[in-house]
């Protein structure tokens, strides 16, 4: 009987944990953000830290070709709240990145 209670408790605790597969919000794209005007600055201020996308440990997202090549992975990580590591983006910054990617990841 004690084992059943422990199993139920474990299921309850596990079920209440935030899932990385659950999006934190819905993104609505009303504009087409530009890479050079908005997205690059977001990457520089949030991702260019030591141990992240600093060009040493991981490729720098301040480089357009790197960001474009990783667009699908970036979109998924930002949407799911996994990126940036150990921080969070504002809703406006998330929308800018995701909308830029959804609009074709243009070099504009």
PDB file of N, CA and C in Angstrom:
ATOM      1  N   UNK A   1       0.826  -1.195   0.000  1.00  0.00           N
ATOM      2  CA  UNK A   1       0.000   0.000   0.000  1.00  0.00           C
ATOM      3  C   UNK A   1       0.871   1.260   0.000  1.00  0.00           C
ATOM      4  N   UNK A   2       1.949   1.214   0.773  1.00  0.00           N
ATOM      5  CA  UNK A   2       2.861   2.353   0.843  1.00  0.00           C
ATOM      6  C   UNK A   2       3.473   2.631  -0.528  1.00  0.00           C
ATOM      7  N   UNK A   3       3.769   1.578  -1.280  1.00  0.00           N
ATOM      8  CA  UNK A   3       4.349   1.727  -2.611  1.00  0.00           C
ATOM      9  C   UNK A   3       3.384   2.417  -3.568  1.00  0.00           C
ATOM     10  N   UNK A   4       2.094   2.146  -3.416  1.00  0.00           N
ATOM     11  CA  UNK A   4       1.094   2.784  -4.272  1.00  0.00           C
ATOM     12  C   UNK A   4       1.055   4.276  -3.998  1.00  0.00           C
ATOM     13  N   UNK A   5       1.113   4.669  -2.725  1.00  0.00           N
ATOM     14  CA  UNK A   5       1.117   6.094  -2.382  1.00  0.00           C
ATOM     15  C   UNK A   5       2.357   6.798  -2.934  1.00  0.00           C
ATOM     16  N   UNK A   6       3.491   6.123  -2.839  1.00  0.00           N
ATOM     17  CA  UNK A   6       4.720   6.706  -3.373  1.00  0.00           C
ATOM     18  C   UNK A   6       4.642   6.848  -4.891  1.00  0.00           C
ATOM     19  N   UNK A   7       4.076   5.855  -5.542  1.00  0.00           N
ATOM     20  CA  UNK A   7       3.917   5.920  -6.993  1.00  0.00           C
ATOM     21  C   UNK A   7       2.982   7.058  -7.389  1.00  0.00           C
ATOM     22  N   UNK A   8       1.874   7.201  -6.697  1.00  0.00           N
ATOM     23  CA  UNK A   8       0.936   8.289  -6.982  1.00  0.00           C
ATOM     24  C   UNK A   8       1.570   9.650  -6.732  1.00  0.00           C
ATOM     25  N   UNK A   9       2.330   9.763  -5.664  1.00  0.00           N
ATOM     26  CA  UNK A   9       3.014  11.022  -5.358  1.00  0.00           C
ATOM     27  C   UNK A   9       4.021  11.357  -6.450  1.00  0.00           C
ATOM     28  N   UNK A  10       4.774  10.358  -6.888  1.00  0.00           N
ATOM     29  CA  UNK A  10       5.760  10.586  -7.957  1.00  0.00           C
ATOM     30  C   UNK A  10       5.076  11.019  -9.245  1.00  0.00           C
ATOM     31  N   UNK A  11       3.951  10.385  -9.582  1.00  0.00           N
ATOM     32  CA  UNK A  11       3.208  10.766 -10.793  1.00  0.00           C
ATOM     33  C   UNK A  11       2.680  12.192 -10.675  1.00  0.00           C
ATOM     34  N   UNK A  12       2.198  12.554  -9.517  1.00  0.00           N
ATOM     35  CA  UNK A  12       1.671  13.900  -9.306  1.00  0.00           C
ATOM     36  C   UNK A  12       2.778  14.940  -9.461  1.00  0.00           C
ATOM     37  N   UNK A  13       3.917  14.700  -8.834  1.00  0.00           N
ATOM     38  CA  UNK A  13       5.037  15.650  -8.915  1.00  0.00           C
ATOM     39  C   UNK A  13       5.534  15.757 -10.344  1.00  0.00           C
ATOM     40  N   UNK A  14       5.710  14.634 -11.014  1.00  0.00           N
ATOM     41  CA  UNK A  14       6.181  14.653 -12.397  1.00  0.00           C
ATOM     42  C   UNK A  14       5.178  15.354 -13.308  1.00  0.00           C
ATOM     43  N   UNK A  15       3.905  15.129 -13.094  1.00  0.00           N
ATOM     44  CA  UNK A  15       2.861  15.731 -13.920  1.00  0.00           C
ATOM     45  C   UNK A  15       2.765  17.232 -13.745  1.00  0.00           C
ATOM     46  N   UNK A  16       3.198  17.751 -12.617  1.00  0.00           N
ATOM     47  CA  UNK A  16       3.116  19.187 -12.358  1.00  0.00           C
ATOM     48  C   UNK A  16       4.343  19.944 -12.849  1.00  0.00           C
ATOM     49  N   UNK A  17       5.367  19.246 -13.272  1.00  0.00           N
ATOM     50  CA  UNK A  17       6.588  19.870 -13.742  1.00  0.00           C
ATOM     51  C   UNK A  17       6.359  20.533 -15.095  1.00  0.00           C
ATOM     52  N   UNK A  18       6.958  21.700 -15.301  1.00  0.00           N
ATOM     53  CA  UNK A  18       6.849  22.381 -16.586  1.00  0.00           C
ATOM     54  C   UNK A  18       7.512  21.542 -17.664  1.00  0.00           C
ATOM     55  N   UNK A  19       6.804  21.313 -18.703  1.00  0.00           N
ATOM     56  CA  UNK A  19       7.326  20.521 -19.802  1.00  0.00           C
ATOM     57  C   UNK A  19       8.030  21.420 -20.801  1.00  0.00           C
ATOM     58  N   UNK A  20       9.180  20.988 -21.277  1.00  0.00           N
ATOM     59  CA  UNK A  20       9.907  21.751 -22.286  1.00  0.00           C
ATOM     60  C   UNK A  20       9.183  21.725 -23.622  1.00  0.00           C
ATOM     61  N   UNK A  21       8.240  20.803 -23.784  1.00  0.00           N
ATOM     62  CA  UNK A  21       7.499  20.717 -25.035  1.00  0.00           C
ATOM     63  C   UNK A  21       6.264  21.603 -25.047  1.00  0.00           C
ATOM     64  N   UNK A  22       5.998  22.281 -23.936  1.00  0.00           N
ATOM     65  CA  UNK A  22       4.815  23.122 -23.846  1.00  0.00           C
ATOM     66  C   UNK A  22       5.193  24.567 -24.138  1.00  0.00           C
ATOM     67  N   UNK A  23       4.661  25.160 -25.200  1.00  0.00           N
ATOM     68  CA  UNK A  23       4.966  26.555 -25.498  1.00  0.00           C
ATOM     69  C   UNK A  23       4.501  27.460 -24.356  1.00  0.00           C
ATOM     70  N   UNK A  24       5.258  28.512 -24.113  1.00  0.00           N
ATOM     71  CA  UNK A  24       4.922  29.413 -23.014  1.00  0.00           C
ATOM     72  C   UNK A  24       3.883  30.442 -23.413  1.00  0.00           C
ATOM     73  N   UNK A  25       3.709  30.679 -24.676  1.00  0.00           N
ATOM     74  CA  UNK A  25       2.704  31.649 -25.127  1.00  0.00           C
ATOM     75  C   UNK A  25       2.416  31.453 -26.613  1.00  0.00           C
ATOM     76  N   UNK A  26       1.400  32.119 -27.072  1.00  0.00           N
ATOM     77  CA  UNK A  26       1.077  32.080 -28.502  1.00  0.00           C
ATOM     78  C   UNK A  26       1.682  33.306 -29.170  1.00  0.00           C
ATOM     79  N   UNK A  27       2.269  33.121 -30.312  1.00  0.00           N
ATOM     80  CA  UNK A  27       2.925  34.200 -31.039  1.00  0.00           C
ATOM     81  C   UNK A  27       2.032  34.618 -32.200  1.00  0.00           C
ATOM     82  N   UNK A  28       1.776  35.917 -32.298  1.00  0.00           N
ATOM     83  CA  UNK A  28       1.005  36.468 -33.403  1.00  0.00           C
ATOM     84  C   UNK A  28       1.915  37.428 -34.150  1.00  0.00           C
ATOM     85  N   UNK A  29       2.071  37.208 -35.444  1.00  0.00           N
ATOM     86  CA  UNK A  29       2.961  38.044 -36.251  1.00  0.00           C
ATOM     87  C   UNK A  29       2.143  39.098 -36.989  1.00  0.00           C
ATOM     88  N   UNK A  30       2.226  40.324 -36.507  1.00  0.00           N
ATOM     89  CA  UNK A  30       1.552  41.442 -37.163  1.00  0.00           C
ATOM     90  C   UNK A  30       2.518  42.244 -38.019  1.00  0.00           C
ATOM     91  N   UNK A  31       3.807  42.028 -37.813  1.00  0.00           N
ATOM     92  CA  UNK A  31       4.828  42.748 -38.570  1.00  0.00           C
ATOM     93  C   UNK A  31       5.871  41.752 -39.059  1.00  0.00           C
ATOM     94  N   UNK A  32       6.756  42.222 -39.900  1.00  0.00           N
ATOM     95  CA  UNK A  32       7.882  41.424 -40.376  1.00  0.00           C
ATOM     96  C   UNK A  32       9.166  42.050 -39.843  1.00  0.00           C
ATOM     97  N   UNK A  33       9.645  41.582 -38.698  1.00  0.00           N
ATOM     98  CA  UNK A  33      10.861  42.159 -38.121  1.00  0.00           C
ATOM     99  C   UNK A  33      12.049  41.956 -39.050  1.00  0.00           C
ATOM    100  N   UNK A  34      12.995  42.861 -38.990  1.00  0.00           N
ATOM    101  CA  UNK A  34      14.190  42.719 -39.814  1.00  0.00           C
ATOM    102  C   UNK A  34      15.314  42.118 -38.978  1.00  0.00           C
ATOM    103  N   UNK A  35      16.189  41.369 -39.640  1.00  0.00           N
ATOM    104  CA  UNK A  35      17.322  40.772 -38.949  1.00  0.00           C
ATOM    105  C   UNK A  35      18.249  41.869 -38.423  1.00  0.00           C
ATOM    106  N   UNK A  36      18.657  42.771 -39.298  1.00  0.00           N
ATOM    107  CA  UNK A  36      19.632  43.787 -38.895  1.00  0.00           C
ATOM    108  C   UNK A  36      19.047  44.826 -37.945  1.00  0.00           C
ATOM    109  N   UNK A  37      17.747  45.080 -38.047  1.00  0.00           N
ATOM    110  CA  UNK A  37      17.140  46.116 -37.219  1.00  0.00           C
ATOM    111  C   UNK A  37      16.684  45.655 -35.851  1.00  0.00           C
ATOM    112  N   UNK A  38      16.318  44.372 -35.697  1.00  0.00           N
ATOM    113  CA  UNK A  38      15.787  43.906 -34.430  1.00  0.00           C
ATOM    114  C   UNK A  38      16.400  42.587 -33.963  1.00  0.00           C
ATOM    115  N   UNK A  39      16.357  41.582 -34.800  1.00  0.00           N
ATOM    116  CA  UNK A  39      16.708  40.223 -34.393  1.00  0.00           C
ATOM    117  C   UNK A  39      18.180  40.105 -33.999  1.00  0.00           C
ATOM    118  N   UNK A  40      19.070  40.679 -34.783  1.00  0.00           N
ATOM    119  CA  UNK A  40      20.499  40.609 -34.479  1.00  0.00           C
ATOM    120  C   UNK A  40      20.787  41.214 -33.107  1.00  0.00           C
ATOM    121  N   UNK A  41      20.166  42.339 -32.797  1.00  0.00           N
ATOM    122  CA  UNK A  41      20.374  42.985 -31.489  1.00  0.00           C
ATOM    123  C   UNK A  41      19.878  42.099 -30.350  1.00  0.00           C
ATOM    124  N   UNK A  42      18.777  41.400 -30.562  1.00  0.00           N
ATOM    125  CA  UNK A  42      18.260  40.471 -29.540  1.00  0.00           C
ATOM    126  C   UNK A  42      19.264  39.347 -29.318  1.00  0.00           C
ATOM    127  N   UNK A  43      19.799  38.792 -30.408  1.00  0.00           N
ATOM    128  CA  UNK A  43      20.793  37.732 -30.289  1.00  0.00           C
ATOM    129  C   UNK A  43      22.042  38.228 -29.570  1.00  0.00           C
ATOM    130  N   UNK A  44      22.507  39.412 -29.909  1.00  0.00           N
ATOM    131  CA  UNK A  44      23.715  39.954 -29.282  1.00  0.00           C
ATOM    132  C   UNK A  44      23.501  40.181 -27.792  1.00  0.00           C
ATOM    133  N   UNK A  45      22.366  40.763 -27.423  1.00  0.00           N
ATOM    134  CA  UNK A  45      22.157  41.085 -26.010  1.00  0.00           C
ATOM    135  C   UNK A  45      21.749  39.889 -25.159  1.00  0.00           C
ATOM    136  N   UNK A  46      21.231  38.828 -25.757  1.00  0.00           N
ATOM    137  CA  UNK A  46      20.745  37.698 -24.969  1.00  0.00           C
ATOM    138  C   UNK A  46      21.499  36.391 -25.188  1.00  0.00           C
ATOM    139  N   UNK A  47      22.221  36.275 -26.288  1.00  0.00           N
ATOM    140  CA  UNK A  47      22.811  34.983 -26.627  1.00  0.00           C
ATOM    141  C   UNK A  47      24.330  35.009 -26.766  1.00  0.00           C
ATOM    142  N   UNK A  48      24.935  36.169 -26.816  1.00  0.00           N
ATOM    143  CA  UNK A  48      26.374  36.266 -27.069  1.00  0.00           C
ATOM    144  C   UNK A  48      27.195  36.197 -25.785  1.00  0.00           C
ATOM    145  N   UNK A  49      26.655  35.543 -24.757  1.00  0.00           N
ATOM    146  CA  UNK A  49      27.353  35.418 -23.478  1.00  0.00           C
ATOM    147  C   UNK A  49      28.330  34.249 -23.510  1.00  0.00           C
ATOM    148  N   UNK A  50      29.290  34.282 -22.619  1.00  0.00           N
ATOM    149  CA  UNK A  50      30.243  33.199 -22.509  1.00  0.00           C
ATOM    150  C   UNK A  50      29.508  31.884 -22.240  1.00  0.00           C
ATOM    151  N   UNK A  51      29.868  30.860 -22.977  1.00  0.00           N
ATOM    152  CA  UNK A  51      29.238  29.556 -22.817  1.00  0.00           C
ATOM    153  C   UNK A  51      27.989  29.390 -23.657  1.00  0.00           C
ATOM    154  N   UNK A  52      27.611  30.423 -24.359  1.00  0.00           N
ATOM    155  CA  UNK A  52      26.417  30.348 -25.195  1.00  0.00           C
ATOM    156  C   UNK A  52      26.858  30.607 -26.642  1.00  0.00           C
ATOM    157  N   UNK A  53      26.133  31.416 -27.370  1.00  0.00           N
ATOM    158  CA  UNK A  53      26.457  31.690 -28.779  1.00  0.00           C
ATOM    159  C   UNK A  53      27.441  32.857 -28.882  1.00  0.00           C
ATOM    160  N   UNK A  54      28.619  32.633 -28.302  1.00  0.00           N
ATOM    161  CA  UNK A  54      29.651  33.659 -28.258  1.00  0.00           C
ATOM    162  C   UNK A  54      30.686  33.514 -29.362  1.00  0.00           C
ATOM    163  N   UNK A  55      30.485  32.549 -30.242  1.00  0.00           N
ATOM    164  CA  UNK A  55      31.441  32.312 -31.313  1.00  0.00           C
ATOM    165  C   UNK A  55      32.576  31.399 -30.895  1.00  0.00           C
ATOM    166  N   UNK A  56      32.625  31.031 -29.614  1.00  0.00           N
ATOM    167  CA  UNK A  56      33.649  30.124 -29.115  1.00  0.00           C
ATOM    168  C   UNK A  56      33.035  28.751 -28.855  1.00  0.00           C
ATOM    169  N   UNK A  57      32.042  28.707 -27.973  1.00  0.00           N
ATOM    170  CA  UNK A  57      31.384  27.444 -27.634  1.00  0.00           C
ATOM    171  C   UNK A  57      30.354  27.043 -28.688  1.00  0.00           C
ATOM    172  N   UNK A  58      29.613  27.995 -29.159  1.00  0.00           N
ATOM    173  CA  UNK A  58      28.616  27.777 -30.211  1.00  0.00           C
ATOM    174  C   UNK A  58      28.744  28.921 -31.196  1.00  0.00           C
ATOM    175  N   UNK A  59      28.347  28.690 -32.417  1.00  0.00           N
ATOM    176  CA  UNK A  59      28.452  29.715 -33.449  1.00  0.00           C
ATOM    177  C   UNK A  59      27.677  30.966 -33.049  1.00  0.00           C
ATOM    178  N   UNK A  60      28.208  32.097 -33.395  1.00  0.00           N
ATOM    179  CA  UNK A  60      27.585  33.373 -33.058  1.00  0.00           C
ATOM    180  C   UNK A  60      26.344  33.614 -33.903  1.00  0.00           C
ATOM    181  N   UNK A  61      25.238  33.894 -33.216  1.00  0.00           N
ATOM    182  CA  UNK A  61      24.005  34.208 -33.928  1.00  0.00           C
ATOM    183  C   UNK A  61      23.994  35.652 -34.417  1.00  0.00           C
ATOM    184  N   UNK A  62      25.053  36.389 -34.117  1.00  0.00           N
ATOM    185  CA  UNK A  62      25.192  37.743 -34.648  1.00  0.00           C
ATOM    186  C   UNK A  62      25.629  37.709 -36.106  1.00  0.00           C
ATOM    187  N   UNK A  63      25.945  36.525 -36.598  1.00  0.00           N
ATOM    188  CA  UNK A  63      26.281  36.336 -38.005  1.00  0.00           C
ATOM    189  C   UNK A  63      25.025  35.860 -38.721  1.00  0.00           C
ATOM    190  N   UNK A  64      24.590  36.582 -39.730  1.00  0.00           N
ATOM    191  CA  UNK A  64      23.337  36.260 -40.414  1.00  0.00           C
ATOM    192  C   UNK A  64      23.279  34.819 -40.906  1.00  0.00           C
ATOM    193  N   UNK A  65      24.328  34.354 -41.598  1.00  0.00           N
ATOM    194  CA  UNK A  65      24.291  33.006 -42.177  1.00  0.00           C
ATOM    195  C   UNK A  65      24.136  31.926 -41.110  1.00  0.00           C
ATOM    196  N   UNK A  66      24.766  32.124 -39.968  1.00  0.00           N
ATOM    197  CA  UNK A  66      24.642  31.165 -38.869  1.00  0.00           C
ATOM    198  C   UNK A  66      23.217  31.131 -38.354  1.00  0.00           C
ATOM    199  N   UNK A  67      22.641  32.315 -38.147  1.00  0.00           N
ATOM    200  CA  UNK A  67      21.261  32.394 -37.648  1.00  0.00           C
ATOM    201  C   UNK A  67      20.281  31.800 -38.658  1.00  0.00           C
ATOM    202  N   UNK A  68      20.478  32.106 -39.919  1.00  0.00           N
ATOM    203  CA  UNK A  68      19.573  31.578 -40.956  1.00  0.00           C
ATOM    204  C   UNK A  68      19.667  30.062 -41.037  1.00  0.00           C
ATOM    205  N   UNK A  69      20.879  29.532 -41.001  1.00  0.00           N
ATOM    206  CA  UNK A  69      21.069  28.085 -41.093  1.00  0.00           C
ATOM    207  C   UNK A  69      20.449  27.341 -39.904  1.00  0.00           C
ATOM    208  N   UNK A  70      20.385  27.997 -38.755  1.00  0.00           N
ATOM    209  CA  UNK A  70      19.846  27.368 -37.540  1.00  0.00           C
ATOM    210  C   UNK A  70      18.429  27.826 -37.238  1.00  0.00           C
ATOM    211  N   UNK A  71      17.777  28.472 -38.195  1.00  0.00           N
ATOM    212  CA  UNK A  71      16.469  29.094 -37.949  1.00  0.00           C
ATOM    213  C   UNK A  71      15.436  28.125 -37.367  1.00  0.00           C
ATOM    214  N   UNK A  72      15.334  26.940 -37.887  1.00  0.00           N
ATOM    215  CA  UNK A  72      14.325  25.983 -37.391  1.00  0.00           C
ATOM    216  C   UNK A  72      14.605  25.604 -35.937  1.00  0.00           C
ATOM    217  N   UNK A  73      15.868  25.369 -35.619  1.00  0.00           N
ATOM    218  CA  UNK A  73      16.223  25.021 -34.244  1.00  0.00           C
ATOM    219  C   UNK A  73      16.021  26.207 -33.307  1.00  0.00           C
ATOM    220  N   UNK A  74      16.373  27.400 -33.778  1.00  0.00           N
ATOM    221  CA  UNK A  74      16.182  28.603 -32.967  1.00  0.00           C
ATOM    222  C   UNK A  74      14.705  28.810 -32.689  1.00  0.00           C
ATOM    223  N   UNK A  75      13.883  28.676 -33.725  1.00  0.00           N
ATOM    224  CA  UNK A  75      12.447  28.890 -33.557  1.00  0.00           C
ATOM    225  C   UNK A  75      11.878  27.947 -32.508  1.00  0.00           C
ATOM    226  N   UNK A  76      12.228  26.687 -32.613  1.00  0.00           N
ATOM    227  CA  UNK A  76      11.729  25.694 -31.671  1.00  0.00           C
ATOM    228  C   UNK A  76      12.186  26.008 -30.244  1.00  0.00           C
ATOM    229  N   UNK A  77      13.463  26.320 -30.076  1.00  0.00           N
ATOM    230  CA  UNK A  77      13.991  26.593 -28.738  1.00  0.00           C
ATOM    231  C   UNK A  77      13.398  27.860 -28.133  1.00  0.00           C
ATOM    232  N   UNK A  78      13.243  28.902 -28.932  1.00  0.00           N
ATOM    233  CA  UNK A  78      12.652  30.150 -28.437  1.00  0.00           C
ATOM    234  C   UNK A  78      11.185  29.941 -28.100  1.00  0.00           C
ATOM    235  N   UNK A  79      10.466  29.292 -28.982  1.00  0.00           N
ATOM    236  CA  UNK A  79       9.030  29.061 -28.777  1.00  0.00           C
ATOM    237  C   UNK A  79       8.766  28.222 -27.525  1.00  0.00           C
ATOM    238  N   UNK A  80       9.607  27.231 -27.294  1.00  0.00           N
ATOM    239  CA  UNK A  80       9.430  26.342 -26.150  1.00  0.00           C
ATOM    240  C   UNK A  80      10.021  26.901 -24.864  1.00  0.00           C
ATOM    241  N   UNK A  81      10.677  28.057 -24.941  1.00  0.00           N
ATOM    242  CA  UNK A  81      11.247  28.679 -23.753  1.00  0.00           C
ATOM    243  C   UNK A  81      12.576  28.087 -23.325  1.00  0.00           C
ATOM    244  N   UNK A  82      13.241  27.370 -24.223  1.00  0.00           N
ATOM    245  CA  UNK A  82      14.524  26.750 -23.906  1.00  0.00           C
ATOM    246  C   UNK A  82      15.706  27.655 -24.216  1.00  0.00           C
ATOM    247  N   UNK A  83      15.447  28.717 -24.933  1.00  0.00           N
ATOM    248  CA  UNK A  83      16.504  29.627 -25.341  1.00  0.00           C
ATOM    249  C   UNK A  83      16.044  31.047 -25.088  1.00  0.00           C
ATOM    250  N   UNK A  84      16.854  31.889 -24.509  1.00  0.00           N
ATOM    251  CA  UNK A  84      18.254  31.698 -24.150  1.00  0.00           C
ATOM    252  C   UNK A  84      18.408  30.865 -22.880  1.00  0.00           C
ATOM    253  N   UNK A  85      19.546  30.245 -22.776  1.00  0.00           N
ATOM    254  CA  UNK A  85      19.869  29.393 -21.653  1.00  0.00           C
ATOM    255  C   UNK A  85      19.956  30.229 -20.384  1.00  0.00           C
ATOM    256  N   UNK A  86      19.348  29.773 -19.319  1.00  0.00           N
ATOM    257  CA  UNK A  86      19.378  30.433 -18.005  1.00  0.00           C
ATOM    258  C   UNK A  86      18.799  31.847 -18.010  1.00  0.00           C
ATOM    259  N   UNK A  87      17.905  32.134 -18.930  1.00  0.00           N
ATOM    260  CA  UNK A  87      17.274  33.458 -18.996  1.00  0.00           C
ATOM    261  C   UNK A  87      15.951  33.302 -19.740  1.00  0.00           C
ATOM    262  N   UNK A  88      15.264  34.405 -19.918  1.00  0.00           N
ATOM    263  CA  UNK A  88      14.041  34.355 -20.713  1.00  0.00           C
ATOM    264  C   UNK A  88      13.954  35.620 -21.549  1.00  0.00           C
ATOM    265  N   UNK A  89      13.271  35.504 -22.649  1.00  0.00           N
ATOM    266  CA  UNK A  89      13.064  36.640 -23.540  1.00  0.00           C
ATOM    267  C   UNK A  89      11.715  37.273 -23.236  1.00  0.00           C
ATOM    268  N   UNK A  90      11.620  38.560 -23.503  1.00  0.00           N
ATOM    269  CA  UNK A  90      10.325  39.220 -23.388  1.00  0.00           C
ATOM    270  C   UNK A  90       9.422  38.703 -24.506  1.00  0.00           C
ATOM    271  N   UNK A  91       8.140  38.874 -24.348  1.00  0.00           N
ATOM    272  CA  UNK A  91       7.185  38.447 -25.381  1.00  0.00           C
ATOM    273  C   UNK A  91       7.464  39.157 -26.697  1.00  0.00           C
ATOM    274  N   UNK A  92       7.861  40.415 -26.630  1.00  0.00           N
ATOM    275  CA  UNK A  92       8.163  41.192 -27.837  1.00  0.00           C
ATOM    276  C   UNK A  92       9.383  40.606 -28.550  1.00  0.00           C
ATOM    277  N   UNK A  93      10.426  40.261 -27.787  1.00  0.00           N
ATOM    278  CA  UNK A  93      11.628  39.685 -28.394  1.00  0.00           C
ATOM    279  C   UNK A  93      11.350  38.302 -28.984  1.00  0.00           C
ATOM    280  N   UNK A  94      10.579  37.479 -28.254  1.00  0.00           N
ATOM    281  CA  UNK A  94      10.206  36.165 -28.790  1.00  0.00           C
ATOM    282  C   UNK A  94       9.457  36.322 -30.103  1.00  0.00           C
ATOM    283  N   UNK A  95       8.498  37.223 -30.117  1.00  0.00           N
ATOM    284  CA  UNK A  95       7.705  37.436 -31.328  1.00  0.00           C
ATOM    285  C   UNK A  95       8.582  37.907 -32.477  1.00  0.00           C
ATOM    286  N   UNK A  96       9.533  38.798 -32.199  1.00  0.00           N
ATOM    287  CA  UNK A  96      10.411  39.307 -33.255  1.00  0.00           C
ATOM    288  C   UNK A  96      11.211  38.169 -33.884  1.00  0.00           C
ATOM    289  N   UNK A  97      11.782  37.305 -33.065  1.00  0.00           N
ATOM    290  CA  UNK A  97      12.585  36.193 -33.585  1.00  0.00           C
ATOM    291  C   UNK A  97      11.710  35.222 -34.371  1.00  0.00           C
ATOM    292  N   UNK A  98      10.614  34.809 -33.773  1.00  0.00           N
ATOM    293  CA  UNK A  98       9.751  33.822 -34.416  1.00  0.00           C
ATOM    294  C   UNK A  98       9.123  34.378 -35.692  1.00  0.00           C
ATOM    295  N   UNK A  99       8.693  35.622 -35.653  1.00  0.00           N
ATOM    296  CA  UNK A  99       8.088  36.219 -36.853  1.00  0.00           C
ATOM    297  C   UNK A  99       9.127  36.400 -37.960  1.00  0.00           C
ATOM    298  N   UNK A 100      10.355  36.758 -37.589  1.00  0.00           N
ATOM    299  CA  UNK A 100      11.420  36.870 -38.579  1.00  0.00           C
ATOM    300  C   UNK A 100      11.645  35.515 -39.255  1.00  0.00           C
ATOM    301  N   UNK A 101      11.696  34.460 -38.473  1.00  0.00           N
ATOM    302  CA  UNK A 101      11.896  33.123 -39.033  1.00  0.00           C
ATOM    303  C   UNK A 101      10.708  32.708 -39.882  1.00  0.00           C
ATOM    304  N   UNK A 102       9.496  32.922 -39.375  1.00  0.00           N
ATOM    305  CA  UNK A 102       8.286  32.542 -40.125  1.00  0.00           C
ATOM    306  C   UNK A 102       8.152  33.315 -41.429  1.00  0.00           C
ATOM    307  N   UNK A 103       8.779  34.504 -41.479  1.00  0.00           N
ATOM    308  CA  UNK A 103       8.718  35.323 -42.699  1.00  0.00           C
ATOM    309  C   UNK A 103       9.849  34.968 -43.670  1.00  0.00           C
ATOM    310  N   UNK A 104      10.585  33.909 -43.395  1.00  0.00           N
ATOM    311  CA  UNK A 104      11.599  33.449 -44.329  1.00  0.00           C
ATOM    312  C   UNK A 104      13.026  33.739 -43.933  1.00  0.00           C
ATOM    313  N   UNK A 105      13.261  34.239 -42.710  1.00  0.00           N
ATOM    314  CA  UNK A 105      14.628  34.504 -42.217  1.00  0.00           C
ATOM    315  C   UNK A 105      15.415  35.366 -43.195  1.00  0.00           C
ATOM    316  N   UNK A 106      14.802  36.434 -43.643  1.00  0.00           N
ATOM    317  CA  UNK A 106      15.427  37.304 -44.653  1.00  0.00           C
ATOM    318  C   UNK A 106      16.582  38.109 -44.074  1.00  0.00           C
ATOM    319  N   UNK A 107      17.553  38.401 -44.917  1.00  0.00           N
ATOM    320  CA  UNK A 107      18.682  39.247 -44.534  1.00  0.00           C
ATOM    321  C   UNK A 107      18.304  40.685 -44.846  1.00  0.00           C
ATOM    322  N   UNK A 108      17.534  41.256 -43.964  1.00  0.00           N
ATOM    323  CA  UNK A 108      17.050  42.613 -44.188  1.00  0.00           C
ATOM    324  C   UNK A 108      17.404  43.521 -43.038  1.00  0.00           C
TER     325      UNK A 108
END
